[in-house]
Amino acid sequence: MSEWGSGNKGIRPSILPVSSGRAMFSWWLRTIVVLGSLLLATGALVAVFHPVLLVPPRDAINEAVHIYAGYFASRNLGLAIMLLAAMSLRARGTLNSLMLLTALIQVLDAVLDCVEGRWAIVPGVVVFAVMFFAGSARLSGYPFWKIEAWRQG
């Protein structure tokens, strides 16, 4: 039996052989983290520098929109920086937790997009969530619905 237990249903952690005492992440996991971080950072920059893109064309930009755009930018930029930092430090447990958090946020964003009728962006947000859930599953050895995926350290 492997160190990952018998309940992993064939999912293997996505790490490569040890280099200088630390495991390296696979190319596709690094790609997901970098692409996801770029998307998050882009959203943050749009929110800060051109928040009019965050509202429908018929709606006005007021002080409340600017305040919430700032919170959105902080959230996205913070996640992007931490994802890249965890990957760079090869902090597997932290990276897994951040990937699960990012995926969960995307699922909640997709639900809100559906409720508010922004159907055009729902598929992209769902794909983003699925990519992060898949990356977490390969990283931890467990799919997100198993408690072990959340307890990996």
Protein backbone atom coordinates (compact mmCIF):
# COMPACT_ATOMS: atom_id res chain seq x y z
CA MET A 1 0.00 0.00 0.00
CA SER A 2 1.29 3.46 -0.88
CA GLU A 3 1.83 6.27 1.60
CA TRP A 4 -1.31 7.92 0.19
CA GLY A 5 -3.62 5.28 1.59
CA SER A 6 -6.01 2.90 -0.05
CA GLY A 7 -8.92 5.32 -0.47
CA ASN A 8 -7.42 7.46 -3.21
CA LYS A 9 -9.00 5.54 -6.09
CA GLY A 10 -5.89 5.75 -8.27
CA ILE A 11 -5.22 9.46 -7.89
CA ARG A 12 -1.54 10.08 -7.44
CA PRO A 13 -0.06 13.28 -6.05
CA SER A 14 1.30 15.43 -8.86
CA ILE A 15 4.88 15.75 -7.75
CA LEU A 16 8.10 14.79 -9.42
CA PRO A 17 11.30 13.35 -7.91
CA VAL A 18 12.96 15.26 -5.13
CA SER A 19 15.41 17.96 -6.14
CA SER A 20 17.54 19.52 -3.36
CA GLY A 21 15.33 17.97 -0.70
CA ARG A 22 12.00 19.29 -2.04
CA ALA A 23 9.49 17.76 -4.41
CA MET A 24 8.93 19.58 -7.71
CA PHE A 25 5.40 20.00 -9.07
CA SER A 26 4.44 18.65 -12.50
CA TRP A 27 4.33 21.00 -15.49
CA TRP A 28 0.55 20.91 -15.80
CA LEU A 29 0.02 21.72 -12.12
CA ARG A 30 2.40 24.67 -12.42
CA THR A 31 0.54 25.74 -15.59
CA ILE A 32 -2.82 25.70 -13.78
CA VAL A 33 -1.42 27.74 -10.89
CA VAL A 34 0.30 30.29 -13.15
CA LEU A 35 -2.68 30.66 -15.52
CA GLY A 36 -5.10 30.90 -12.63
CA SER A 37 -2.92 33.48 -10.90
CA LEU A 38 -2.71 35.51 -14.10
CA LEU A 39 -6.51 35.44 -14.46
CA LEU A 40 -6.96 36.47 -10.83
CA ALA A 41 -4.41 39.28 -11.15
CA THR A 42 -5.99 40.47 -14.41
CA GLY A 43 -9.38 40.64 -12.70
CA ALA A 44 -7.80 42.64 -9.88
CA LEU A 45 -6.21 45.10 -12.29
CA VAL A 46 -9.48 45.53 -14.20
CA ALA A 47 -11.30 46.19 -10.92
CA VAL A 48 -8.78 48.85 -9.90
CA PHE A 49 -8.13 50.60 -13.19
CA HIS A 50 -11.31 50.07 -15.24
CA PRO A 51 -14.19 49.03 -12.94
CA VAL A 52 -16.75 49.98 -15.59
CA LEU A 53 -16.11 46.51 -17.05
CA LEU A 54 -17.52 44.96 -13.88
CA VAL A 55 -21.04 46.29 -14.39
CA PRO A 56 -23.54 46.08 -17.25
CA PRO A 57 -23.33 48.95 -19.79
CA ARG A 58 -26.61 50.48 -18.61
CA ASP A 59 -25.46 50.76 -14.96
CA ALA A 60 -23.61 53.75 -13.54
CA ILE A 61 -20.33 53.55 -11.66
CA ASN A 62 -20.75 55.07 -8.22
CA GLU A 63 -18.76 55.12 -4.98
CA ALA A 64 -20.21 51.77 -3.86
CA VAL A 65 -18.99 50.09 -7.07
CA HIS A 66 -15.51 51.52 -6.50
CA ILE A 67 -15.45 50.23 -2.91
CA TYR A 68 -16.54 46.72 -3.88
CA ALA A 69 -14.17 46.72 -6.85
CA GLY A 70 -11.37 47.46 -4.40
CA TYR A 71 -12.37 44.49 -2.22
CA PHE A 72 -12.59 42.28 -5.30
CA ALA A 73 -9.13 43.43 -6.38
CA SER A 74 -7.68 42.74 -2.92
CA ARG A 75 -9.19 39.25 -2.85
CA ASN A 76 -7.98 38.33 -6.32
CA LEU A 77 -4.52 39.81 -5.98
CA GLY A 78 -4.02 38.23 -2.56
CA LEU A 79 -4.98 34.80 -3.91
CA ALA A 80 -2.76 35.21 -6.98
CA ILE A 81 0.27 36.20 -4.90
CA MET A 82 -0.24 33.40 -2.38
CA LEU A 83 -0.75 30.75 -5.07
CA LEU A 84 2.50 31.75 -6.78
CA ALA A 85 4.35 31.99 -3.45
CA ALA A 86 3.18 28.54 -2.30
CA MET A 87 4.16 27.04 -5.63
CA SER A 88 7.56 28.76 -5.60
CA LEU A 89 8.22 27.58 -2.05
CA ARG A 90 6.96 24.09 -2.97
CA ALA A 91 4.61 24.25 0.00
CA ARG A 92 2.37 21.37 -1.05
CA GLY A 93 -0.16 21.60 1.78
CA THR A 94 -0.52 25.35 1.50
CA LEU A 95 -0.82 25.19 -2.27
CA ASN A 96 -3.48 22.50 -1.99
CA SER A 97 -5.48 24.60 0.48
CA LEU A 98 -5.21 27.69 -1.72
CA MET A 99 -6.28 25.70 -4.79
CA LEU A 100 -9.34 24.39 -2.92
CA LEU A 101 -10.18 27.90 -1.71
CA THR A 102 -9.81 29.34 -5.22
CA ALA A 103 -11.99 26.59 -6.69
CA LEU A 104 -14.66 27.10 -4.04
CA ILE A 105 -14.70 30.87 -4.68
CA GLN A 106 -15.13 30.19 -8.41
CA VAL A 107 -18.06 27.85 -7.73
CA LEU A 108 -19.71 30.53 -5.59
CA ASP A 109 -19.01 33.12 -8.30
CA ALA A 110 -20.63 30.82 -10.89
CA VAL A 111 -23.72 30.41 -8.69
CA LEU A 112 -24.02 34.20 -8.32
CA ASP A 113 -23.50 34.64 -12.07
CA CYS A 114 -26.39 32.24 -12.69
CA VAL A 115 -28.64 33.96 -10.16
CA GLU A 116 -27.89 37.34 -11.73
CA GLY A 117 -28.21 36.09 -15.31
CA ARG A 118 -24.62 36.53 -16.48
CA TRP A 119 -24.79 33.31 -18.50
CA ALA A 120 -21.95 34.14 -20.89
CA ILE A 121 -19.27 33.97 -18.22
CA VAL A 122 -20.55 30.96 -16.26
CA PRO A 123 -18.76 28.31 -18.41
CA GLY A 124 -15.38 30.04 -18.01
CA VAL A 125 -15.78 30.35 -14.26
CA VAL A 126 -16.82 26.68 -13.97
CA VAL A 127 -13.82 25.54 -16.07
CA PHE A 128 -11.56 27.60 -13.82
CA ALA A 129 -13.05 25.89 -10.73
CA VAL A 130 -12.74 22.41 -12.26
CA MET A 131 -9.09 23.03 -13.16
CA PHE A 132 -8.30 24.00 -9.58
CA PHE A 133 -10.26 21.09 -8.11
CA ALA A 134 -8.41 18.71 -10.46
CA GLY A 135 -5.06 20.24 -9.55
CA SER A 136 -5.86 19.89 -5.85
CA ALA A 137 -6.89 16.26 -6.32
CA ARG A 138 -3.61 15.44 -8.04
CA LEU A 139 -1.66 17.38 -5.46
CA SER A 140 -3.28 15.89 -2.37
CA GLY A 141 -4.10 12.46 -3.75
CA TYR A 142 -7.81 12.87 -2.96
CA PRO A 143 -10.79 14.49 -4.71
CA PHE A 144 -12.21 17.59 -2.99
CA TRP A 145 -15.27 15.79 -1.65
CA LYS A 146 -13.10 13.55 0.55
CA ILE A 147 -12.10 15.05 3.88
CA GLU A 148 -8.52 13.87 3.35
CA ALA A 149 -8.11 16.43 0.54
CA TRP A 150 -8.74 19.22 3.06
CA ARG A 151 -6.54 17.73 5.78
CA GLN A 152 -3.37 17.29 3.75
CA GLY A 153 -0.48 19.12 5.37
